[in-house]
Protein backbone atom coordinates (compact mmCIF):
# COMPACT_ATOMS: atom_id res chain seq x y z
CA UNK A 1 -83.18 95.47 62.47
CA UNK A 2 -79.81 95.50 62.56
CA UNK A 3 -76.44 94.55 64.81
CA UNK A 4 -73.97 96.55 66.56
CA UNK A 5 -70.39 97.09 68.04
CA UNK A 6 -70.13 95.80 71.31
CA UNK A 7 -68.69 98.86 73.88
CA UNK A 8 -64.91 99.37 74.64
CA UNK A 9 -66.07 97.80 78.32
CA UNK A 10 -67.93 94.88 77.10
CA UNK A 11 -65.34 93.80 74.16
CA UNK A 12 -61.83 94.61 75.80
CA UNK A 13 -62.43 94.19 79.53
CA UNK A 14 -63.06 90.71 79.73
CA UNK A 15 -61.48 88.57 81.38
CA UNK A 16 -58.52 86.78 78.45
CA UNK A 17 -57.46 88.45 75.46
CA UNK A 18 -58.82 85.49 73.93
CA UNK A 19 -62.32 86.28 74.73
CA UNK A 20 -61.81 89.64 73.80
CA UNK A 21 -60.73 89.02 70.21
CA UNK A 22 -63.12 86.71 69.70
CA UNK A 23 -66.20 89.14 70.78
CA UNK A 24 -64.86 91.50 68.33
CA UNK A 25 -64.25 88.89 65.49
CA UNK A 26 -68.53 88.24 66.70
CA UNK A 27 -68.97 92.24 66.11
CA UNK A 28 -67.06 93.48 63.77
CA UNK A 29 -69.02 89.96 61.41
CA UNK A 30 -71.98 91.79 63.00
CA UNK A 31 -71.79 95.07 61.45
CA UNK A 32 -70.24 93.89 58.00
CA UNK A 33 -73.70 91.15 57.79
CA UNK A 34 -75.75 94.33 58.73
CA UNK A 35 -74.30 95.64 55.61
CA UNK A 36 -74.62 93.11 52.76
CA UNK A 37 -78.94 92.48 54.62
CA UNK A 38 -79.65 96.02 53.33
CA UNK A 39 -78.48 95.65 50.34
CA UNK A 40 -79.93 92.25 49.20
CA UNK A 41 -83.26 94.19 48.73
CA UNK A 42 -81.50 95.41 45.47
CA UNK A 43 -80.75 94.33 42.23
CA UNK A 44 -77.36 95.58 40.30
CA UNK A 45 -78.11 98.73 38.91
CA UNK A 46 -80.62 99.95 41.87
CA UNK A 47 -76.50 99.93 43.58
CA UNK A 48 -75.35 102.45 40.97
CA UNK A 49 -77.50 105.00 41.00
CA UNK A 50 -76.78 108.31 42.39
CA UNK A 51 -79.80 110.66 42.44
CA UNK A 52 -78.39 113.96 43.58
CA UNK A 53 -75.09 115.14 45.30
CA UNK A 54 -76.02 114.28 48.91
CA UNK A 55 -76.87 110.79 48.70
CA UNK A 56 -74.06 107.86 46.92
CA UNK A 57 -74.33 105.14 45.17
CA UNK A 58 -75.13 101.85 47.70
CA UNK A 59 -72.35 100.10 46.04
CA UNK A 60 -69.84 102.96 46.65
CA UNK A 61 -71.50 102.40 50.55
CA UNK A 62 -70.23 98.67 50.45
CA UNK A 63 -67.00 100.24 48.83
CA UNK A 64 -65.80 102.75 50.66
CA UNK A 65 -66.93 101.51 54.49
CA UNK A 66 -64.49 98.39 53.03
CA UNK A 67 -61.79 100.86 52.65
CA UNK A 68 -61.75 102.88 56.06
CA UNK A 69 -61.38 99.43 56.94
CA UNK A 70 -58.65 99.10 54.85
CA UNK A 71 -57.13 102.55 55.43
CA UNK A 72 -56.79 103.12 58.42
CA UNK A 73 -57.20 99.34 60.51
CA UNK A 74 -55.00 97.38 58.06
CA UNK A 75 -52.38 99.07 56.13
CA UNK A 76 -50.97 100.23 59.66
CA UNK A 77 -51.07 96.88 61.96
CA UNK A 78 -49.96 94.38 59.44
CA UNK A 79 -47.16 94.69 57.21
CA UNK A 80 -48.59 91.59 55.79
CA UNK A 81 -51.49 93.22 54.09
CA UNK A 82 -51.60 94.16 50.33
CA UNK A 83 -54.43 96.03 49.10
CA UNK A 84 -57.14 95.01 47.15
CA UNK A 85 -56.54 97.34 44.12
CA UNK A 86 -54.71 100.55 43.91
CA UNK A 87 -58.16 102.14 42.13
CA UNK A 88 -60.13 101.74 44.65
CA UNK A 89 -58.50 103.72 47.37
CA UNK A 90 -59.01 107.33 45.00
CA UNK A 91 -62.26 105.71 43.89
CA UNK A 92 -63.57 105.05 47.19
CA UNK A 93 -62.80 107.45 49.91
CA UNK A 94 -64.96 110.10 50.95
CA UNK A 95 -63.37 113.69 52.99
CA UNK A 96 -60.18 112.44 54.29
CA UNK A 97 -57.81 115.04 52.90
CA UNK A 98 -55.09 113.57 54.58
CA UNK A 99 -55.84 110.10 52.88
CA UNK A 100 -55.23 111.67 49.82
CA UNK A 101 -57.28 112.03 46.93
CA UNK A 102 -60.50 111.57 45.78
CA UNK A 103 -63.25 111.02 42.75
CA UNK A 104 -65.62 113.93 43.10
CA UNK A 105 -68.84 113.58 45.52
CA UNK A 106 -71.54 114.28 42.57
CA UNK A 107 -69.74 111.78 40.46
CA UNK A 108 -69.96 108.43 42.12
CA UNK A 109 -72.63 107.07 40.10
CA UNK A 110 -70.98 107.21 37.12
CA UNK A 111 -68.42 104.53 38.67
CA UNK A 112 -69.83 101.61 36.97
CA UNK A 113 -66.47 99.99 36.95
CA UNK A 114 -65.35 98.15 39.45
CA UNK A 115 -68.66 96.01 38.76
CA UNK A 116 -71.10 94.75 41.97
CA UNK A 117 -69.00 91.44 42.53
CA UNK A 118 -65.76 92.95 42.32
CA UNK A 119 -67.06 95.31 45.37
CA UNK A 120 -67.63 91.88 47.00
CA UNK A 121 -64.71 90.51 45.94
CA UNK A 122 -63.24 93.65 47.79
CA UNK A 123 -65.34 93.16 50.97
CA UNK A 124 -64.30 89.76 51.44
CA UNK A 125 -61.06 90.38 50.67
CA UNK A 126 -60.40 92.53 53.93
CA UNK A 127 -63.01 90.71 56.10
CA UNK A 128 -60.04 87.87 55.97
CA UNK A 129 -57.58 90.99 56.48
CA UNK A 130 -59.55 92.76 59.51
CA UNK A 131 -60.46 88.80 60.92
CA UNK A 132 -57.02 87.74 60.48
CA UNK A 133 -55.67 90.74 62.28
CA UNK A 134 -58.02 90.68 65.20
CA UNK A 135 -56.69 86.71 66.24
CA UNK A 136 -52.54 88.01 65.54
CA UNK A 137 -52.28 91.58 66.74
CA UNK A 138 -49.41 91.16 69.33
CA UNK A 139 -50.77 91.78 73.19
CA UNK A 140 -48.60 95.37 72.48
CA UNK A 141 -50.67 96.63 70.03
CA UNK A 142 -54.77 94.91 70.61
CA UNK A 143 -55.73 98.21 72.66
CA UNK A 144 -55.06 100.22 69.16
CA UNK A 145 -56.58 97.98 66.87
CA UNK A 146 -59.15 97.03 68.69
CA UNK A 147 -59.70 100.79 69.34
CA UNK A 148 -59.78 101.89 65.70
CA UNK A 149 -62.04 98.55 64.58
CA UNK A 150 -64.61 100.26 66.49
CA UNK A 151 -64.89 103.67 64.67
CA UNK A 152 -64.51 101.50 61.86
CA UNK A 153 -67.89 99.57 63.04
CA UNK A 154 -69.37 103.17 64.48
CA UNK A 155 -69.17 104.48 60.94
CA UNK A 156 -69.95 101.10 58.82
CA UNK A 157 -73.37 101.67 61.07
CA UNK A 158 -73.63 105.51 59.68
CA UNK A 159 -74.03 104.08 56.63
CA UNK A 160 -75.94 101.61 56.40
CA UNK A 161 -78.26 104.24 57.42
CA UNK A 162 -77.02 106.90 54.63
CA UNK A 163 -77.69 103.32 52.04
CA UNK A 164 -81.21 103.02 53.09
CA UNK A 165 -81.66 107.07 52.86
CA UNK A 166 -80.14 107.24 49.88
CA UNK A 167 -81.74 104.51 47.95
CA UNK A 168 -85.40 106.05 49.10
CA UNK A 169 -84.29 109.25 48.06
CA UNK A 170 -83.55 107.52 44.36
CA UNK A 171 -86.66 105.56 44.09
CA UNK A 172 -89.14 108.71 44.87
CA UNK A 173 -87.49 109.73 41.17
CA UNK A 174 -88.89 106.79 39.47
CA UNK A 175 -91.98 107.00 38.58
CA UNK A 176 -92.64 103.38 38.86
CA UNK A 177 -92.44 103.64 43.03
CA UNK A 178 -90.30 101.21 43.70
CA UNK A 179 -90.25 98.74 47.21
CA UNK A 180 -87.60 98.70 48.67
CA UNK A 181 -88.82 96.68 51.14
CA UNK A 182 -92.77 95.96 51.51
CA UNK A 183 -92.51 94.65 54.90
CA UNK A 184 -91.04 98.16 55.75
CA UNK A 185 -93.49 99.42 58.44
CA UNK A 186 -92.91 103.31 60.36
CA UNK A 187 -93.27 103.60 64.20
CA UNK A 188 -96.89 105.16 65.14
CA UNK A 189 -97.09 108.20 67.16
CA UNK A 190 -95.61 106.71 70.92
CA UNK A 191 -98.36 105.52 73.63
CA UNK A 192 -99.04 108.06 75.97
CA UNK A 193 -100.44 111.36 77.37
CA UNK A 194 -98.90 114.00 74.96
CA UNK A 195 -98.93 117.81 75.83
CA UNK A 196 -95.66 119.53 76.97
CA UNK A 197 -93.85 118.87 80.22
CA UNK A 198 -90.93 120.57 82.56
CA UNK A 199 -87.53 120.12 81.51
CA UNK A 200 -85.20 120.09 84.41
CA UNK A 201 -83.87 123.49 85.37
CA UNK A 202 -80.60 125.27 86.25
CA UNK A 203 -77.37 123.63 85.85
CA UNK A 204 -77.85 120.58 83.68
CA UNK A 205 -74.66 118.50 82.07
CA UNK A 206 -74.51 117.19 78.49
CA UNK A 207 -71.67 115.58 76.63
CA UNK A 208 -70.96 111.40 76.30
CA UNK A 209 -70.74 110.06 80.01
CA UNK A 210 -67.93 108.20 79.53
CA UNK A 211 -70.51 104.58 79.26
CA UNK A 212 -69.40 102.75 75.98
CA UNK A 213 -68.52 104.27 72.63
CA UNK A 214 -69.23 107.73 71.81
CA UNK A 215 -67.86 110.08 68.86
CA UNK A 216 -65.89 112.92 69.13
CA UNK A 217 -68.48 115.87 68.87
CA UNK A 218 -69.71 114.02 71.47
CA UNK A 219 -66.75 115.41 73.90
CA UNK A 220 -65.95 117.28 76.10
CA UNK A 221 -68.71 117.07 79.18
CA UNK A 222 -69.75 120.03 80.32
CA UNK A 223 -72.16 122.10 82.33
CA UNK A 224 -74.65 124.24 80.48
CA UNK A 225 -77.82 126.38 81.32
CA UNK A 226 -81.50 125.11 81.53
CA UNK A 227 -83.88 127.74 81.17
CA UNK A 228 -87.43 127.12 82.81
CA UNK A 229 -88.67 125.83 79.31
CA UNK A 230 -91.32 123.19 78.85
CA UNK A 231 -90.30 120.87 76.09
CA UNK A 232 -93.71 118.13 73.82
CA UNK A 233 -93.20 114.45 75.09
CA UNK A 234 -94.16 113.75 71.40
CA UNK A 235 -92.90 114.41 67.85
CA UNK A 236 -95.65 116.58 65.63
CA UNK A 237 -97.63 114.39 63.28
CA UNK A 238 -99.35 114.65 60.39
CA UNK A 239 -102.42 115.36 61.04
CA UNK A 240 -100.43 118.45 62.65
CA UNK A 241 -98.62 119.09 59.49
CA UNK A 242 -101.55 118.74 57.59
CA UNK A 243 -103.26 122.21 59.96
CA UNK A 244 -100.11 123.50 59.05
CA UNK A 245 -100.32 123.27 54.83
CA UNK A 246 -104.52 123.33 55.11
CA UNK A 247 -103.69 127.09 56.70
CA UNK A 248 -101.47 128.69 54.09
CA UNK A 249 -97.94 127.86 55.99
CA UNK A 250 -96.31 126.98 52.35
CA UNK A 251 -97.36 130.09 51.50
CA UNK A 252 -96.87 132.53 54.56
CA UNK A 253 -92.94 134.47 54.19
CA UNK A 254 -93.53 135.29 57.41
CA UNK A 255 -92.93 132.64 59.44
CA UNK A 256 -90.35 131.73 57.34
CA UNK A 257 -86.76 132.54 57.87
CA UNK A 258 -85.37 134.34 54.68
CA UNK A 259 -83.04 131.16 53.68
CA UNK A 260 -86.33 129.06 54.02
CA UNK A 261 -88.33 131.46 52.88
CA UNK A 262 -86.01 131.48 49.58
CA UNK A 263 -85.69 127.40 49.42
CA UNK A 264 -89.42 127.13 49.37
CA UNK A 265 -90.10 129.23 46.47
CA UNK A 266 -86.71 127.86 44.38
CA UNK A 267 -87.46 124.20 45.39
CA UNK A 268 -91.46 125.21 45.00
CA UNK A 269 -92.06 123.28 48.19
CA UNK A 270 -95.87 122.75 49.20
CA UNK A 271 -95.73 119.36 51.68
CA UNK A 272 -92.68 117.99 53.69
CA UNK A 273 -90.29 115.38 50.74
CA UNK A 274 -91.91 112.53 49.67
CA UNK A 275 -95.62 113.51 49.88
CA UNK A 276 -97.77 113.64 47.02
CA UNK A 277 -101.16 115.03 45.51
CA UNK A 278 -102.86 111.18 45.60
CA UNK A 279 -107.34 111.04 43.91
CA UNK A 280 -107.29 110.52 47.68
CA UNK A 281 -106.04 112.62 49.76
CA UNK A 282 -101.91 113.05 50.44
CA UNK A 283 -99.87 109.94 49.60
CA UNK A 284 -95.99 110.18 50.69
CA UNK A 285 -93.95 107.49 49.65
CA UNK A 286 -92.05 105.01 51.87
CA UNK A 287 -89.31 102.22 52.16
CA UNK A 288 -92.53 100.07 51.23
CA UNK A 289 -93.96 102.18 48.37
CA UNK A 290 -96.26 104.40 47.91
CA UNK A 291 -98.43 104.65 51.46
CA UNK A 292 -101.47 106.95 51.88
CA UNK A 293 -100.61 110.14 54.78
CA UNK A 294 -101.31 108.51 58.21
CA UNK A 295 -102.61 111.79 59.93
CA UNK A 296 -101.83 109.68 63.35
CA UNK A 297 -97.77 108.83 63.00
CA UNK A 298 -95.02 111.67 62.91
CA UNK A 299 -94.17 113.87 60.19
CA UNK A 300 -90.91 112.78 58.60
CA UNK A 301 -88.81 114.03 55.92
CA UNK A 302 -89.43 117.64 57.15
CA UNK A 303 -86.19 120.23 57.00
CA UNK A 304 -84.75 122.73 59.31
CA UNK A 305 -86.72 125.29 57.49
CA UNK A 306 -89.73 123.56 57.44
CA UNK A 307 -89.08 122.60 61.41
CA UNK A 308 -89.03 126.09 62.39
CA UNK A 309 -91.38 127.50 60.32
CA UNK A 310 -94.07 124.88 61.92
CA UNK A 311 -93.30 126.67 65.68
CA UNK A 312 -93.46 129.21 64.00
CA UNK A 313 -97.33 128.56 63.51
CA UNK A 314 -97.31 126.59 66.41
CA UNK A 315 -96.40 129.92 68.41
CA UNK A 316 -93.40 127.58 69.93
CA UNK A 317 -90.03 126.94 69.72
CA UNK A 318 -87.64 123.88 68.36
CA UNK A 319 -86.07 122.88 71.99
CA UNK A 320 -82.05 123.41 71.82
CA UNK A 321 -79.81 120.07 71.91
CA UNK A 322 -78.77 121.05 75.77
CA UNK A 323 -82.63 121.43 76.42
CA UNK A 324 -83.61 118.04 73.96
CA UNK A 325 -81.05 115.90 76.40
CA UNK A 326 -81.73 117.44 79.62
CA UNK A 327 -85.18 116.45 78.78
CA UNK A 328 -84.33 112.11 77.20
CA UNK A 329 -81.79 112.03 80.28
CA UNK A 330 -84.82 112.68 82.89
CA UNK A 331 -86.92 110.11 80.87
CA UNK A 332 -89.51 112.85 79.11
CA UNK A 333 -89.24 112.19 75.90
CA UNK A 334 -91.53 109.23 74.90
CA UNK A 335 -90.02 108.69 70.98
CA UNK A 336 -86.68 109.49 71.54
CA UNK A 337 -85.38 107.26 69.33
CA UNK A 338 -86.25 104.88 66.95
CA UNK A 339 -88.11 107.30 64.94
CA UNK A 340 -87.00 110.40 62.97
CA UNK A 341 -83.84 112.58 63.63
CA UNK A 342 -85.23 115.67 65.60
CA UNK A 343 -84.64 119.27 64.31
CA UNK A 344 -82.72 121.67 67.31
CA UNK A 345 -82.51 125.10 67.11
CA UNK A 346 -78.76 124.87 68.03
CA UNK A 347 -76.15 124.98 65.57
CA UNK A 348 -73.88 122.26 64.88
CA UNK A 349 -70.43 123.60 66.87
CA UNK A 350 -67.65 122.82 69.11
CA UNK A 351 -68.63 121.38 72.96
CA UNK A 352 -66.33 124.22 75.17
CA UNK A 353 -62.67 121.99 75.15
CA UNK A 354 -62.93 120.38 71.97
CA UNK A 355 -60.50 119.35 70.01
CA UNK A 356 -60.34 117.05 67.06
CA UNK A 357 -58.25 114.03 66.89
CA UNK A 358 -54.86 114.21 64.55
CA UNK A 359 -54.40 112.81 61.64
CA UNK A 360 -56.87 112.27 58.74
CA UNK A 361 -59.09 110.39 61.47
CA UNK A 362 -59.73 114.17 63.09
CA UNK A 363 -60.94 114.86 59.32
CA UNK A 364 -64.47 112.65 61.05
CA UNK A 365 -66.43 115.44 62.61
CA UNK A 366 -64.20 118.64 63.26
CA UNK A 367 -64.35 119.80 60.27
CA UNK A 368 -67.45 120.30 59.23
CA UNK A 369 -68.96 122.45 62.37
CA UNK A 370 -70.09 125.34 60.58
CA UNK A 371 -73.50 125.48 58.84
CA UNK A 372 -74.95 122.89 60.03
CA UNK A 373 -77.74 122.28 62.70
CA UNK A 374 -77.94 119.53 64.60
CA UNK A 375 -80.09 116.44 65.68
CA UNK A 376 -80.63 114.19 68.63
CA UNK A 377 -82.21 111.25 68.86
CA UNK A 378 -82.21 108.39 66.11
CA UNK A 379 -84.31 106.91 63.39
CA UNK A 380 -86.18 104.08 62.03
CA UNK A 381 -83.07 103.45 59.46
CA UNK A 382 -80.70 103.66 62.44
CA UNK A 383 -79.04 100.35 63.00
CA UNK A 384 -80.13 98.84 66.72
CA UNK A 385 -77.39 100.27 69.64
CA UNK A 386 -75.82 102.86 67.24
CA UNK A 387 -78.27 105.28 69.36
CA UNK A 388 -77.12 107.57 72.81
CA UNK A 389 -78.54 110.06 74.52
CA UNK A 390 -75.48 112.29 73.96
CA UNK A 391 -75.65 111.78 69.76
CA UNK A 392 -74.44 114.61 67.48
CA UNK A 393 -76.10 114.18 63.84
CA UNK A 394 -76.07 117.06 61.99
CA UNK A 395 -77.48 118.59 58.88
CA UNK A 396 -77.49 121.53 56.55
CA UNK A 397 -80.75 124.05 56.92
CA UNK A 398 -82.19 122.36 53.60
CA UNK A 399 -81.78 118.79 53.68
CA UNK A 400 -84.43 116.75 54.20
CA UNK A 401 -84.02 112.69 52.96
CA UNK A 402 -83.34 111.85 55.67
CA UNK A 403 -86.11 110.06 58.38
CA UNK A 404 -85.77 113.96 59.81
CA UNK A 405 -88.50 115.38 62.19
CA UNK A 406 -88.99 117.61 65.31
CA UNK A 407 -90.53 118.13 68.70
CA UNK A 408 -91.67 121.77 70.22
CA UNK A 409 -90.17 123.18 73.69
CA UNK A 410 -91.45 126.81 74.57
CA UNK A 411 -90.83 129.20 77.80
CA UNK A 412 -92.40 129.44 80.58
């Protein structure tokens, strides 16, 4: 669905600097265009809604990723650049403390002004500045410029996914059941035999292998010991989840972690996120509107607590992120990417030897390495090519507004 930036290998190792500039300009235009394409399904009113503190309005996403380029690329590298609006850094900074004060996250939906047209003008202003910088940065500076540019492009792709998941959450609160895109389809189950396969045991190396781009939390590459364990080839399906519901899974405290059971009770969970009972059975709110729950497709919008409880119900467990990566590298998981992020049993912690970068960009990943669980793979909302076997996504255990699912594992 989306386009992606080229990796450093394809973008900066070309024979001439002019060709490299052209390729980065094309990559920048593709990523920026994809954000606008995703936003084009929404009205001005849609773009200001914030349905919960963890979500952000579409207008804010469009402005924030633009601020990122202005703050970290243009201001430090182009002395002639002029900030579009002095109010915007406060409004559209997210969590970069070193970059200055910020508007409170839960109140982003209150920013009706600047309006959508001003944000569009902001994007155009920064786009022009970035393209000028790509074209004119001196040869001695292009390596640093292209490095920050690439980080910004991958950062924007992350927000492209959030733009979609956040608006789905907002639409799910609307009794008129709005449709984001009537052509949007949830991927079906991957082909091939089901069942479990052996993960390559022994000492395996995980982490980014140096081929293309990665975030700092995917480094350093290091050895891990993989026990004798089997992993499911496929994600858990809606049919399997319906069995869990019918067996009283949401009513059996012995299946749940203590925090999970408290969340079930407090939130009144009886099914995955966006599921609702209809006259003819279970229905689910999707980006294409309300649809019948398809038993054959992978279950979506389940929290870590639900995934862990289901694994216990099935007599299995969730794979560790190392087990998942070893299996994916071995080509054992036919639905690794493009359907749903998959919960692992691994806490989001630094790899051995990890060091966050200095400055504000060092706040990108490292400071969140507490109270979060790792997810692997990618989802149906992830931009194309913004995926790799070493990618470490992370969310807090109760979160389920993302396209999250699970596969099972069992020790041999």
